[in-house]
Amino acid sequence: HLKRAARISGAVGLAALGVAAAYP
């Protein structure tokens, strides 16, 4: 399960980057 958890974490980071970059 650890590889899957890391993959989800990476995808969440990319999605959060999109939100953060769009906000300003």
PDBML (XML) file of the C-alpha atoms, coordinates in Angstrom:
<?xml version="1.0" encoding="UTF-8" ?>
<PDBx:datablock datablockName="MODEL"
   xmlns:PDBx="http://pdbml.pdb.org/schema/pdbx-v50.xsd"
   xmlns:xsi="http://www.w3.org/2001/XMLSchema-instance"
   xsi:schemaLocation="http://pdbml.pdb.org/schema/pdbx-v50.xsd pdbx-v50.xsd">
   <PDBx:atom_siteCategory>
      <PDBx:atom_site id="1">
         <PDBx:B_iso_or_equiv>0.00</PDBx:B_iso_or_equiv>
         <PDBx:Cartn_x>0.000</PDBx:Cartn_x>
         <PDBx:Cartn_y>0.000</PDBx:Cartn_y>
         <PDBx:Cartn_z>0.000</PDBx:Cartn_z>
         <PDBx:auth_asym_id>A</PDBx:auth_asym_id>
         <PDBx:auth_atom_id>CA</PDBx:auth_atom_id>
         <PDBx:auth_comp_id>HIS</PDBx:auth_comp_id>
         <PDBx:auth_seq_id>1</PDBx:auth_seq_id>
         <PDBx:group_PDB>ATOM</PDBx:group_PDB>
         <PDBx:label_alt_id xsi:nil="true" />
         <PDBx:label_asym_id>A</PDBx:label_asym_id>
         <PDBx:label_atom_id>CA</PDBx:label_atom_id>
         <PDBx:label_comp_id>HIS</PDBx:label_comp_id>
         <PDBx:label_entity_id>1</PDBx:label_entity_id>
         <PDBx:label_seq_id>1</PDBx:label_seq_id>
         <PDBx:occupancy>1.00</PDBx:occupancy>
         <PDBx:pdbx_PDB_model_num>1</PDBx:pdbx_PDB_model_num>
         <PDBx:type_symbol>C</PDBx:type_symbol>
      </PDBx:atom_site>
      <PDBx:atom_site id="2">
         <PDBx:B_iso_or_equiv>0.00</PDBx:B_iso_or_equiv>
         <PDBx:Cartn_x>2.927</PDBx:Cartn_x>
         <PDBx:Cartn_y>2.375</PDBx:Cartn_y>
         <PDBx:Cartn_z>0.513</PDBx:Cartn_z>
         <PDBx:auth_asym_id>A</PDBx:auth_asym_id>
         <PDBx:auth_atom_id>CA</PDBx:auth_atom_id>
         <PDBx:auth_comp_id>LEU</PDBx:auth_comp_id>
         <PDBx:auth_seq_id>2</PDBx:auth_seq_id>
         <PDBx:group_PDB>ATOM</PDBx:group_PDB>
         <PDBx:label_alt_id xsi:nil="true" />
         <PDBx:label_asym_id>A</PDBx:label_asym_id>
         <PDBx:label_atom_id>CA</PDBx:label_atom_id>
         <PDBx:label_comp_id>LEU</PDBx:label_comp_id>
         <PDBx:label_entity_id>1</PDBx:label_entity_id>
         <PDBx:label_seq_id>2</PDBx:label_seq_id>
         <PDBx:occupancy>1.00</PDBx:occupancy>
         <PDBx:pdbx_PDB_model_num>1</PDBx:pdbx_PDB_model_num>
         <PDBx:type_symbol>C</PDBx:type_symbol>
      </PDBx:atom_site>
      <PDBx:atom_site id="3">
         <PDBx:B_iso_or_equiv>0.00</PDBx:B_iso_or_equiv>
         <PDBx:Cartn_x>3.664</PDBx:Cartn_x>
         <PDBx:Cartn_y>2.868</PDBx:Cartn_y>
         <PDBx:Cartn_z>-3.190</PDBx:Cartn_z>
         <PDBx:auth_asym_id>A</PDBx:auth_asym_id>
         <PDBx:auth_atom_id>CA</PDBx:auth_atom_id>
         <PDBx:auth_comp_id>LYS</PDBx:auth_comp_id>
         <PDBx:auth_seq_id>3</PDBx:auth_seq_id>
         <PDBx:group_PDB>ATOM</PDBx:group_PDB>
         <PDBx:label_alt_id xsi:nil="true" />
         <PDBx:label_asym_id>A</PDBx:label_asym_id>
         <PDBx:label_atom_id>CA</PDBx:label_atom_id>
         <PDBx:label_comp_id>LYS</PDBx:label_comp_id>
         <PDBx:label_entity_id>1</PDBx:label_entity_id>
         <PDBx:label_seq_id>3</PDBx:label_seq_id>
         <PDBx:occupancy>1.00</PDBx:occupancy>
         <PDBx:pdbx_PDB_model_num>1</PDBx:pdbx_PDB_model_num>
         <PDBx:type_symbol>C</PDBx:type_symbol>
      </PDBx:atom_site>
      <PDBx:atom_site id="4">
         <PDBx:B_iso_or_equiv>0.00</PDBx:B_iso_or_equiv>
         <PDBx:Cartn_x>0.008</PDBx:Cartn_x>
         <PDBx:Cartn_y>3.707</PDBx:Cartn_y>
         <PDBx:Cartn_z>-3.793</PDBx:Cartn_z>
         <PDBx:auth_asym_id>A</PDBx:auth_asym_id>
         <PDBx:auth_atom_id>CA</PDBx:auth_atom_id>
         <PDBx:auth_comp_id>ARG</PDBx:auth_comp_id>
         <PDBx:auth_seq_id>4</PDBx:auth_seq_id>
         <PDBx:group_PDB>ATOM</PDBx:group_PDB>
         <PDBx:label_alt_id xsi:nil="true" />
         <PDBx:label_asym_id>A</PDBx:label_asym_id>
         <PDBx:label_atom_id>CA</PDBx:label_atom_id>
         <PDBx:label_comp_id>ARG</PDBx:label_comp_id>
         <PDBx:label_entity_id>1</PDBx:label_entity_id>
         <PDBx:label_seq_id>4</PDBx:label_seq_id>
         <PDBx:occupancy>1.00</PDBx:occupancy>
         <PDBx:pdbx_PDB_model_num>1</PDBx:pdbx_PDB_model_num>
         <PDBx:type_symbol>C</PDBx:type_symbol>
      </PDBx:atom_site>
      <PDBx:atom_site id="5">
         <PDBx:B_iso_or_equiv>0.00</PDBx:B_iso_or_equiv>
         <PDBx:Cartn_x>-0.018</PDBx:Cartn_x>
         <PDBx:Cartn_y>6.165</PDBx:Cartn_y>
         <PDBx:Cartn_z>-0.884</PDBx:Cartn_z>
         <PDBx:auth_asym_id>A</PDBx:auth_asym_id>
         <PDBx:auth_atom_id>CA</PDBx:auth_atom_id>
         <PDBx:auth_comp_id>ALA</PDBx:auth_comp_id>
         <PDBx:auth_seq_id>5</PDBx:auth_seq_id>
         <PDBx:group_PDB>ATOM</PDBx:group_PDB>
         <PDBx:label_alt_id xsi:nil="true" />
         <PDBx:label_asym_id>A</PDBx:label_asym_id>
         <PDBx:label_atom_id>CA</PDBx:label_atom_id>
         <PDBx:label_comp_id>ALA</PDBx:label_comp_id>
         <PDBx:label_entity_id>1</PDBx:label_entity_id>
         <PDBx:label_seq_id>5</PDBx:label_seq_id>
         <PDBx:occupancy>1.00</PDBx:occupancy>
         <PDBx:pdbx_PDB_model_num>1</PDBx:pdbx_PDB_model_num>
         <PDBx:type_symbol>C</PDBx:type_symbol>
      </PDBx:atom_site>
      <PDBx:atom_site id="6">
         <PDBx:B_iso_or_equiv>0.00</PDBx:B_iso_or_equiv>
         <PDBx:Cartn_x>3.059</PDBx:Cartn_x>
         <PDBx:Cartn_y>7.916</PDBx:Cartn_y>
         <PDBx:Cartn_z>-2.294</PDBx:Cartn_z>
         <PDBx:auth_asym_id>A</PDBx:auth_asym_id>
         <PDBx:auth_atom_id>CA</PDBx:auth_atom_id>
         <PDBx:auth_comp_id>ALA</PDBx:auth_comp_id>
         <PDBx:auth_seq_id>6</PDBx:auth_seq_id>
         <PDBx:group_PDB>ATOM</PDBx:group_PDB>
         <PDBx:label_alt_id xsi:nil="true" />
         <PDBx:label_asym_id>A</PDBx:label_asym_id>
         <PDBx:label_atom_id>CA</PDBx:label_atom_id>
         <PDBx:label_comp_id>ALA</PDBx:label_comp_id>
         <PDBx:label_entity_id>1</PDBx:label_entity_id>
         <PDBx:label_seq_id>6</PDBx:label_seq_id>
         <PDBx:occupancy>1.00</PDBx:occupancy>
         <PDBx:pdbx_PDB_model_num>1</PDBx:pdbx_PDB_model_num>
         <PDBx:type_symbol>C</PDBx:type_symbol>
      </PDBx:atom_site>
      <PDBx:atom_site id="7">
         <PDBx:B_iso_or_equiv>0.00</PDBx:B_iso_or_equiv>
         <PDBx:Cartn_x>1.432</PDBx:Cartn_x>
         <PDBx:Cartn_y>8.114</PDBx:Cartn_y>
         <PDBx:Cartn_z>-5.719</PDBx:Cartn_z>
         <PDBx:auth_asym_id>A</PDBx:auth_asym_id>
         <PDBx:auth_atom_id>CA</PDBx:auth_atom_id>
         <PDBx:auth_comp_id>ARG</PDBx:auth_comp_id>
         <PDBx:auth_seq_id>7</PDBx:auth_seq_id>
         <PDBx:group_PDB>ATOM</PDBx:group_PDB>
         <PDBx:label_alt_id xsi:nil="true" />
         <PDBx:label_asym_id>A</PDBx:label_asym_id>
         <PDBx:label_atom_id>CA</PDBx:label_atom_id>
         <PDBx:label_comp_id>ARG</PDBx:label_comp_id>
         <PDBx:label_entity_id>1</PDBx:label_entity_id>
         <PDBx:label_seq_id>7</PDBx:label_seq_id>
         <PDBx:occupancy>1.00</PDBx:occupancy>
         <PDBx:pdbx_PDB_model_num>1</PDBx:pdbx_PDB_model_num>
         <PDBx:type_symbol>C</PDBx:type_symbol>
      </PDBx:atom_site>
      <PDBx:atom_site id="8">
         <PDBx:B_iso_or_equiv>0.00</PDBx:B_iso_or_equiv>
         <PDBx:Cartn_x>-1.679</PDBx:Cartn_x>
         <PDBx:Cartn_y>9.717</PDBx:Cartn_y>
         <PDBx:Cartn_z>-4.248</PDBx:Cartn_z>
         <PDBx:auth_asym_id>A</PDBx:auth_asym_id>
         <PDBx:auth_atom_id>CA</PDBx:auth_atom_id>
         <PDBx:auth_comp_id>ILE</PDBx:auth_comp_id>
         <PDBx:auth_seq_id>8</PDBx:auth_seq_id>
         <PDBx:group_PDB>ATOM</PDBx:group_PDB>
         <PDBx:label_alt_id xsi:nil="true" />
         <PDBx:label_asym_id>A</PDBx:label_asym_id>
         <PDBx:label_atom_id>CA</PDBx:label_atom_id>
         <PDBx:label_comp_id>ILE</PDBx:label_comp_id>
         <PDBx:label_entity_id>1</PDBx:label_entity_id>
         <PDBx:label_seq_id>8</PDBx:label_seq_id>
         <PDBx:occupancy>1.00</PDBx:occupancy>
         <PDBx:pdbx_PDB_model_num>1</PDBx:pdbx_PDB_model_num>
         <PDBx:type_symbol>C</PDBx:type_symbol>
      </PDBx:atom_site>
      <PDBx:atom_site id="9">
         <PDBx:B_iso_or_equiv>0.00</PDBx:B_iso_or_equiv>
         <PDBx:Cartn_x>0.473</PDBx:Cartn_x>
         <PDBx:Cartn_y>12.165</PDBx:Cartn_y>
         <PDBx:Cartn_z>-2.294</PDBx:Cartn_z>
         <PDBx:auth_asym_id>A</PDBx:auth_asym_id>
         <PDBx:auth_atom_id>CA</PDBx:auth_atom_id>
         <PDBx:auth_comp_id>SER</PDBx:auth_comp_id>
         <PDBx:auth_seq_id>9</PDBx:auth_seq_id>
         <PDBx:group_PDB>ATOM</PDBx:group_PDB>
         <PDBx:label_alt_id xsi:nil="true" />
         <PDBx:label_asym_id>A</PDBx:label_asym_id>
         <PDBx:label_atom_id>CA</PDBx:label_atom_id>
         <PDBx:label_comp_id>SER</PDBx:label_comp_id>
         <PDBx:label_entity_id>1</PDBx:label_entity_id>
         <PDBx:label_seq_id>9</PDBx:label_seq_id>
         <PDBx:occupancy>1.00</PDBx:occupancy>
         <PDBx:pdbx_PDB_model_num>1</PDBx:pdbx_PDB_model_num>
         <PDBx:type_symbol>C</PDBx:type_symbol>
      </PDBx:atom_site>
      <PDBx:atom_site id="10">
         <PDBx:B_iso_or_equiv>0.00</PDBx:B_iso_or_equiv>
         <PDBx:Cartn_x>2.256</PDBx:Cartn_x>
         <PDBx:Cartn_y>13.235</PDBx:Cartn_y>
         <PDBx:Cartn_z>-5.470</PDBx:Cartn_z>
         <PDBx:auth_asym_id>A</PDBx:auth_asym_id>
         <PDBx:auth_atom_id>CA</PDBx:auth_atom_id>
         <PDBx:auth_comp_id>GLY</PDBx:auth_comp_id>
         <PDBx:auth_seq_id>10</PDBx:auth_seq_id>
         <PDBx:group_PDB>ATOM</PDBx:group_PDB>
         <PDBx:label_alt_id xsi:nil="true" />
         <PDBx:label_asym_id>A</PDBx:label_asym_id>
         <PDBx:label_atom_id>CA</PDBx:label_atom_id>
         <PDBx:label_comp_id>GLY</PDBx:label_comp_id>
         <PDBx:label_entity_id>1</PDBx:label_entity_id>
         <PDBx:label_seq_id>10</PDBx:label_seq_id>
         <PDBx:occupancy>1.00</PDBx:occupancy>
         <PDBx:pdbx_PDB_model_num>1</PDBx:pdbx_PDB_model_num>
         <PDBx:type_symbol>C</PDBx:type_symbol>
      </PDBx:atom_site>
      <PDBx:atom_site id="11">
         <PDBx:B_iso_or_equiv>0.00</PDBx:B_iso_or_equiv>
         <PDBx:Cartn_x>-1.008</PDBx:Cartn_x>
         <PDBx:Cartn_y>13.721</PDBx:Cartn_y>
         <PDBx:Cartn_z>-7.352</PDBx:Cartn_z>
         <PDBx:auth_asym_id>A</PDBx:auth_asym_id>
         <PDBx:auth_atom_id>CA</PDBx:auth_atom_id>
         <PDBx:auth_comp_id>ALA</PDBx:auth_comp_id>
         <PDBx:auth_seq_id>11</PDBx:auth_seq_id>
         <PDBx:group_PDB>ATOM</PDBx:group_PDB>
         <PDBx:label_alt_id xsi:nil="true" />
         <PDBx:label_asym_id>A</PDBx:label_asym_id>
         <PDBx:label_atom_id>CA</PDBx:label_atom_id>
         <PDBx:label_comp_id>ALA</PDBx:label_comp_id>
         <PDBx:label_entity_id>1</PDBx:label_entity_id>
         <PDBx:label_seq_id>11</PDBx:label_seq_id>
         <PDBx:occupancy>1.00</PDBx:occupancy>
         <PDBx:pdbx_PDB_model_num>1</PDBx:pdbx_PDB_model_num>
         <PDBx:type_symbol>C</PDBx:type_symbol>
      </PDBx:atom_site>
      <PDBx:atom_site id="12">
         <PDBx:B_iso_or_equiv>0.00</PDBx:B_iso_or_equiv>
         <PDBx:Cartn_x>-2.468</PDBx:Cartn_x>
         <PDBx:Cartn_y>15.757</PDBx:Cartn_y>
         <PDBx:Cartn_z>-4.469</PDBx:Cartn_z>
         <PDBx:auth_asym_id>A</PDBx:auth_asym_id>
         <PDBx:auth_atom_id>CA</PDBx:auth_atom_id>
         <PDBx:auth_comp_id>VAL</PDBx:auth_comp_id>
         <PDBx:auth_seq_id>12</PDBx:auth_seq_id>
         <PDBx:group_PDB>ATOM</PDBx:group_PDB>
         <PDBx:label_alt_id xsi:nil="true" />
         <PDBx:label_asym_id>A</PDBx:label_asym_id>
         <PDBx:label_atom_id>CA</PDBx:label_atom_id>
         <PDBx:label_comp_id>VAL</PDBx:label_comp_id>
         <PDBx:label_entity_id>1</PDBx:label_entity_id>
         <PDBx:label_seq_id>12</PDBx:label_seq_id>
         <PDBx:occupancy>1.00</PDBx:occupancy>
         <PDBx:pdbx_PDB_model_num>1</PDBx:pdbx_PDB_model_num>
         <PDBx:type_symbol>C</PDBx:type_symbol>
      </PDBx:atom_site>
      <PDBx:atom_site id="13">
         <PDBx:B_iso_or_equiv>0.00</PDBx:B_iso_or_equiv>
         <PDBx:Cartn_x>0.619</PDBx:Cartn_x>
         <PDBx:Cartn_y>17.979</PDBx:Cartn_y>
         <PDBx:Cartn_z>-4.539</PDBx:Cartn_z>
         <PDBx:auth_asym_id>A</PDBx:auth_asym_id>
         <PDBx:auth_atom_id>CA</PDBx:auth_atom_id>
         <PDBx:auth_comp_id>GLY</PDBx:auth_comp_id>
         <PDBx:auth_seq_id>13</PDBx:auth_seq_id>
         <PDBx:group_PDB>ATOM</PDBx:group_PDB>
         <PDBx:label_alt_id xsi:nil="true" />
         <PDBx:label_asym_id>A</PDBx:label_asym_id>
         <PDBx:label_atom_id>CA</PDBx:label_atom_id>
         <PDBx:label_comp_id>GLY</PDBx:label_comp_id>
         <PDBx:label_entity_id>1</PDBx:label_entity_id>
         <PDBx:label_seq_id>13</PDBx:label_seq_id>
         <PDBx:occupancy>1.00</PDBx:occupancy>
         <PDBx:pdbx_PDB_model_num>1</PDBx:pdbx_PDB_model_num>
         <PDBx:type_symbol>C</PDBx:type_symbol>
      </PDBx:atom_site>
      <PDBx:atom_site id="14">
         <PDBx:B_iso_or_equiv>0.00</PDBx:B_iso_or_equiv>
         <PDBx:Cartn_x>0.222</PDBx:Cartn_x>
         <PDBx:Cartn_y>18.681</PDBx:Cartn_y>
         <PDBx:Cartn_z>-8.244</PDBx:Cartn_z>
         <PDBx:auth_asym_id>A</PDBx:auth_asym_id>
         <PDBx:auth_atom_id>CA</PDBx:auth_atom_id>
         <PDBx:auth_comp_id>LEU</PDBx:auth_comp_id>
         <PDBx:auth_seq_id>14</PDBx:auth_seq_id>
         <PDBx:group_PDB>ATOM</PDBx:group_PDB>
         <PDBx:label_alt_id xsi:nil="true" />
         <PDBx:label_asym_id>A</PDBx:label_asym_id>
         <PDBx:label_atom_id>CA</PDBx:label_atom_id>
         <PDBx:label_comp_id>LEU</PDBx:label_comp_id>
         <PDBx:label_entity_id>1</PDBx:label_entity_id>
         <PDBx:label_seq_id>14</PDBx:label_seq_id>
         <PDBx:occupancy>1.00</PDBx:occupancy>
         <PDBx:pdbx_PDB_model_num>1</PDBx:pdbx_PDB_model_num>
         <PDBx:type_symbol>C</PDBx:type_symbol>
      </PDBx:atom_site>
      <PDBx:atom_site id="15">
         <PDBx:B_iso_or_equiv>0.00</PDBx:B_iso_or_equiv>
         <PDBx:Cartn_x>-3.465</PDBx:Cartn_x>
         <PDBx:Cartn_y>19.492</PDBx:Cartn_y>
         <PDBx:Cartn_z>-7.814</PDBx:Cartn_z>
         <PDBx:auth_asym_id>A</PDBx:auth_asym_id>
         <PDBx:auth_atom_id>CA</PDBx:auth_atom_id>
         <PDBx:auth_comp_id>ALA</PDBx:auth_comp_id>
         <PDBx:auth_seq_id>15</PDBx:auth_seq_id>
         <PDBx:group_PDB>ATOM</PDBx:group_PDB>
         <PDBx:label_alt_id xsi:nil="true" />
         <PDBx:label_asym_id>A</PDBx:label_asym_id>
         <PDBx:label_atom_id>CA</PDBx:label_atom_id>
         <PDBx:label_comp_id>ALA</PDBx:label_comp_id>
         <PDBx:label_entity_id>1</PDBx:label_entity_id>
         <PDBx:label_seq_id>15</PDBx:label_seq_id>
         <PDBx:occupancy>1.00</PDBx:occupancy>
         <PDBx:pdbx_PDB_model_num>1</PDBx:pdbx_PDB_model_num>
         <PDBx:type_symbol>C</PDBx:type_symbol>
      </PDBx:atom_site>
      <PDBx:atom_site id="16">
         <PDBx:B_iso_or_equiv>0.00</PDBx:B_iso_or_equiv>
         <PDBx:Cartn_x>-2.685</PDBx:Cartn_x>
         <PDBx:Cartn_y>21.797</PDBx:Cartn_y>
         <PDBx:Cartn_z>-4.890</PDBx:Cartn_z>
         <PDBx:auth_asym_id>A</PDBx:auth_asym_id>
         <PDBx:auth_atom_id>CA</PDBx:auth_atom_id>
         <PDBx:auth_comp_id>ALA</PDBx:auth_comp_id>
         <PDBx:auth_seq_id>16</PDBx:auth_seq_id>
         <PDBx:group_PDB>ATOM</PDBx:group_PDB>
         <PDBx:label_alt_id xsi:nil="true" />
         <PDBx:label_asym_id>A</PDBx:label_asym_id>
         <PDBx:label_atom_id>CA</PDBx:label_atom_id>
         <PDBx:label_comp_id>ALA</PDBx:label_comp_id>
         <PDBx:label_entity_id>1</PDBx:label_entity_id>
         <PDBx:label_seq_id>16</PDBx:label_seq_id>
         <PDBx:occupancy>1.00</PDBx:occupancy>
         <PDBx:pdbx_PDB_model_num>1</PDBx:pdbx_PDB_model_num>
         <PDBx:type_symbol>C</PDBx:type_symbol>
      </PDBx:atom_site>
      <PDBx:atom_site id="17">
         <PDBx:B_iso_or_equiv>0.00</PDBx:B_iso_or_equiv>
         <PDBx:Cartn_x>-0.047</PDBx:Cartn_x>
         <PDBx:Cartn_y>23.538</PDBx:Cartn_y>
         <PDBx:Cartn_z>-6.994</PDBx:Cartn_z>
         <PDBx:auth_asym_id>A</PDBx:auth_asym_id>
         <PDBx:auth_atom_id>CA</PDBx:auth_atom_id>
         <PDBx:auth_comp_id>LEU</PDBx:auth_comp_id>
         <PDBx:auth_seq_id>17</PDBx:auth_seq_id>
         <PDBx:group_PDB>ATOM</PDBx:group_PDB>
         <PDBx:label_alt_id xsi:nil="true" />
         <PDBx:label_asym_id>A</PDBx:label_asym_id>
         <PDBx:label_atom_id>CA</PDBx:label_atom_id>
         <PDBx:label_comp_id>LEU</PDBx:label_comp_id>
         <PDBx:label_entity_id>1</PDBx:label_entity_id>
         <PDBx:label_seq_id>17</PDBx:label_seq_id>
         <PDBx:occupancy>1.00</PDBx:occupancy>
         <PDBx:pdbx_PDB_model_num>1</PDBx:pdbx_PDB_model_num>
         <PDBx:type_symbol>C</PDBx:type_symbol>
      </PDBx:atom_site>
      <PDBx:atom_site id="18">
         <PDBx:B_iso_or_equiv>0.00</PDBx:B_iso_or_equiv>
         <PDBx:Cartn_x>-2.690</PDBx:Cartn_x>
         <PDBx:Cartn_y>24.268</PDBx:Cartn_y>
         <PDBx:Cartn_z>-9.609</PDBx:Cartn_z>
         <PDBx:auth_asym_id>A</PDBx:auth_asym_id>
         <PDBx:auth_atom_id>CA</PDBx:auth_atom_id>
         <PDBx:auth_comp_id>GLY</PDBx:auth_comp_id>
         <PDBx:auth_seq_id>18</PDBx:auth_seq_id>
         <PDBx:group_PDB>ATOM</PDBx:group_PDB>
         <PDBx:label_alt_id xsi:nil="true" />
         <PDBx:label_asym_id>A</PDBx:label_asym_id>
         <PDBx:label_atom_id>CA</PDBx:label_atom_id>
         <PDBx:label_comp_id>GLY</PDBx:label_comp_id>
         <PDBx:label_entity_id>1</PDBx:label_entity_id>
         <PDBx:label_seq_id>18</PDBx:label_seq_id>
         <PDBx:occupancy>1.00</PDBx:occupancy>
         <PDBx:pdbx_PDB_model_num>1</PDBx:pdbx_PDB_model_num>
         <PDBx:type_symbol>C</PDBx:type_symbol>
      </PDBx:atom_site>
      <PDBx:atom_site id="19">
         <PDBx:B_iso_or_equiv>0.00</PDBx:B_iso_or_equiv>
         <PDBx:Cartn_x>-4.941</PDBx:Cartn_x>
         <PDBx:Cartn_y>25.799</PDBx:Cartn_y>
         <PDBx:Cartn_z>-6.974</PDBx:Cartn_z>
         <PDBx:auth_asym_id>A</PDBx:auth_asym_id>
         <PDBx:auth_atom_id>CA</PDBx:auth_atom_id>
         <PDBx:auth_comp_id>VAL</PDBx:auth_comp_id>
         <PDBx:auth_seq_id>19</PDBx:auth_seq_id>
         <PDBx:group_PDB>ATOM</PDBx:group_PDB>
         <PDBx:label_alt_id xsi:nil="true" />
         <PDBx:label_asym_id>A</PDBx:label_asym_id>
         <PDBx:label_atom_id>CA</PDBx:label_atom_id>
         <PDBx:label_comp_id>VAL</PDBx:label_comp_id>
         <PDBx:label_entity_id>1</PDBx:label_entity_id>
         <PDBx:label_seq_id>19</PDBx:label_seq_id>
         <PDBx:occupancy>1.00</PDBx:occupancy>
         <PDBx:pdbx_PDB_model_num>1</PDBx:pdbx_PDB_model_num>
         <PDBx:type_symbol>C</PDBx:type_symbol>
      </PDBx:atom_site>
      <PDBx:atom_site id="20">
         <PDBx:B_iso_or_equiv>0.00</PDBx:B_iso_or_equiv>
         <PDBx:Cartn_x>-2.094</PDBx:Cartn_x>
         <PDBx:Cartn_y>27.811</PDBx:Cartn_y>
         <PDBx:Cartn_z>-5.430</PDBx:Cartn_z>
         <PDBx:auth_asym_id>A</PDBx:auth_asym_id>
         <PDBx:auth_atom_id>CA</PDBx:auth_atom_id>
         <PDBx:auth_comp_id>ALA</PDBx:auth_comp_id>
         <PDBx:auth_seq_id>20</PDBx:auth_seq_id>
         <PDBx:group_PDB>ATOM</PDBx:group_PDB>
         <PDBx:label_alt_id xsi:nil="true" />
         <PDBx:label_asym_id>A</PDBx:label_asym_id>
         <PDBx:label_atom_id>CA</PDBx:label_atom_id>
         <PDBx:label_comp_id>ALA</PDBx:label_comp_id>
         <PDBx:label_entity_id>1</PDBx:label_entity_id>
         <PDBx:label_seq_id>20</PDBx:label_seq_id>
         <PDBx:occupancy>1.00</PDBx:occupancy>
         <PDBx:pdbx_PDB_model_num>1</PDBx:pdbx_PDB_model_num>
         <PDBx:type_symbol>C</PDBx:type_symbol>
      </PDBx:atom_site>
      <PDBx:atom_site id="21">
         <PDBx:B_iso_or_equiv>0.00</PDBx:B_iso_or_equiv>
         <PDBx:Cartn_x>-0.739</PDBx:Cartn_x>
         <PDBx:Cartn_y>29.108</PDBx:Cartn_y>
         <PDBx:Cartn_z>-8.752</PDBx:Cartn_z>
         <PDBx:auth_asym_id>A</PDBx:auth_asym_id>
         <PDBx:auth_atom_id>CA</PDBx:auth_atom_id>
         <PDBx:auth_comp_id>ALA</PDBx:auth_comp_id>
         <PDBx:auth_seq_id>21</PDBx:auth_seq_id>
         <PDBx:group_PDB>ATOM</PDBx:group_PDB>
         <PDBx:label_alt_id xsi:nil="true" />
         <PDBx:label_asym_id>A</PDBx:label_asym_id>
         <PDBx:label_atom_id>CA</PDBx:label_atom_id>
         <PDBx:label_comp_id>ALA</PDBx:label_comp_id>
         <PDBx:label_entity_id>1</PDBx:label_entity_id>
         <PDBx:label_seq_id>21</PDBx:label_seq_id>
         <PDBx:occupancy>1.00</PDBx:occupancy>
         <PDBx:pdbx_PDB_model_num>1</PDBx:pdbx_PDB_model_num>
         <PDBx:type_symbol>C</PDBx:type_symbol>
      </PDBx:atom_site>
      <PDBx:atom_site id="22">
         <PDBx:B_iso_or_equiv>0.00</PDBx:B_iso_or_equiv>
         <PDBx:Cartn_x>-4.204</PDBx:Cartn_x>
         <PDBx:Cartn_y>30.169</PDBx:Cartn_y>
         <PDBx:Cartn_z>-9.900</PDBx:Cartn_z>
         <PDBx:auth_asym_id>A</PDBx:auth_asym_id>
         <PDBx:auth_atom_id>CA</PDBx:auth_atom_id>
         <PDBx:auth_comp_id>ALA</PDBx:auth_comp_id>
         <PDBx:auth_seq_id>22</PDBx:auth_seq_id>
         <PDBx:group_PDB>ATOM</PDBx:group_PDB>
         <PDBx:label_alt_id xsi:nil="true" />
         <PDBx:label_asym_id>A</PDBx:label_asym_id>
         <PDBx:label_atom_id>CA</PDBx:label_atom_id>
         <PDBx:label_comp_id>ALA</PDBx:label_comp_id>
         <PDBx:label_entity_id>1</PDBx:label_entity_id>
         <PDBx:label_seq_id>22</PDBx:label_seq_id>
         <PDBx:occupancy>1.00</PDBx:occupancy>
         <PDBx:pdbx_PDB_model_num>1</PDBx:pdbx_PDB_model_num>
         <PDBx:type_symbol>C</PDBx:type_symbol>
      </PDBx:atom_site>
      <PDBx:atom_site id="23">
         <PDBx:B_iso_or_equiv>0.00</PDBx:B_iso_or_equiv>
         <PDBx:Cartn_x>-5.085</PDBx:Cartn_x>
         <PDBx:Cartn_y>31.965</PDBx:Cartn_y>
         <PDBx:Cartn_z>-6.656</PDBx:Cartn_z>
         <PDBx:auth_asym_id>A</PDBx:auth_asym_id>
         <PDBx:auth_atom_id>CA</PDBx:auth_atom_id>
         <PDBx:auth_comp_id>TYR</PDBx:auth_comp_id>
         <PDBx:auth_seq_id>23</PDBx:auth_seq_id>
         <PDBx:group_PDB>ATOM</PDBx:group_PDB>
         <PDBx:label_alt_id xsi:nil="true" />
         <PDBx:label_asym_id>A</PDBx:label_asym_id>
         <PDBx:label_atom_id>CA</PDBx:label_atom_id>
         <PDBx:label_comp_id>TYR</PDBx:label_comp_id>
         <PDBx:label_entity_id>1</PDBx:label_entity_id>
         <PDBx:label_seq_id>23</PDBx:label_seq_id>
         <PDBx:occupancy>1.00</PDBx:occupancy>
         <PDBx:pdbx_PDB_model_num>1</PDBx:pdbx_PDB_model_num>
         <PDBx:type_symbol>C</PDBx:type_symbol>
      </PDBx:atom_site>
      <PDBx:atom_site id="24">
         <PDBx:B_iso_or_equiv>0.00</PDBx:B_iso_or_equiv>
         <PDBx:Cartn_x>-2.810</PDBx:Cartn_x>
         <PDBx:Cartn_y>35.056</PDBx:Cartn_y>
         <PDBx:Cartn_z>-6.929</PDBx:Cartn_z>
         <PDBx:auth_asym_id>A</PDBx:auth_asym_id>
         <PDBx:auth_atom_id>CA</PDBx:auth_atom_id>
         <PDBx:auth_comp_id>PRO</PDBx:auth_comp_id>
         <PDBx:auth_seq_id>24</PDBx:auth_seq_id>
         <PDBx:group_PDB>ATOM</PDBx:group_PDB>
         <PDBx:label_alt_id xsi:nil="true" />
         <PDBx:label_asym_id>A</PDBx:label_asym_id>
         <PDBx:label_atom_id>CA</PDBx:label_atom_id>
         <PDBx:label_comp_id>PRO</PDBx:label_comp_id>
         <PDBx:label_entity_id>1</PDBx:label_entity_id>
         <PDBx:label_seq_id>24</PDBx:label_seq_id>
         <PDBx:occupancy>1.00</PDBx:occupancy>
         <PDBx:pdbx_PDB_model_num>1</PDBx:pdbx_PDB_model_num>
         <PDBx:type_symbol>C</PDBx:type_symbol>
      </PDBx:atom_site>
   </PDBx:atom_siteCategory>
</PDBx:datablock>
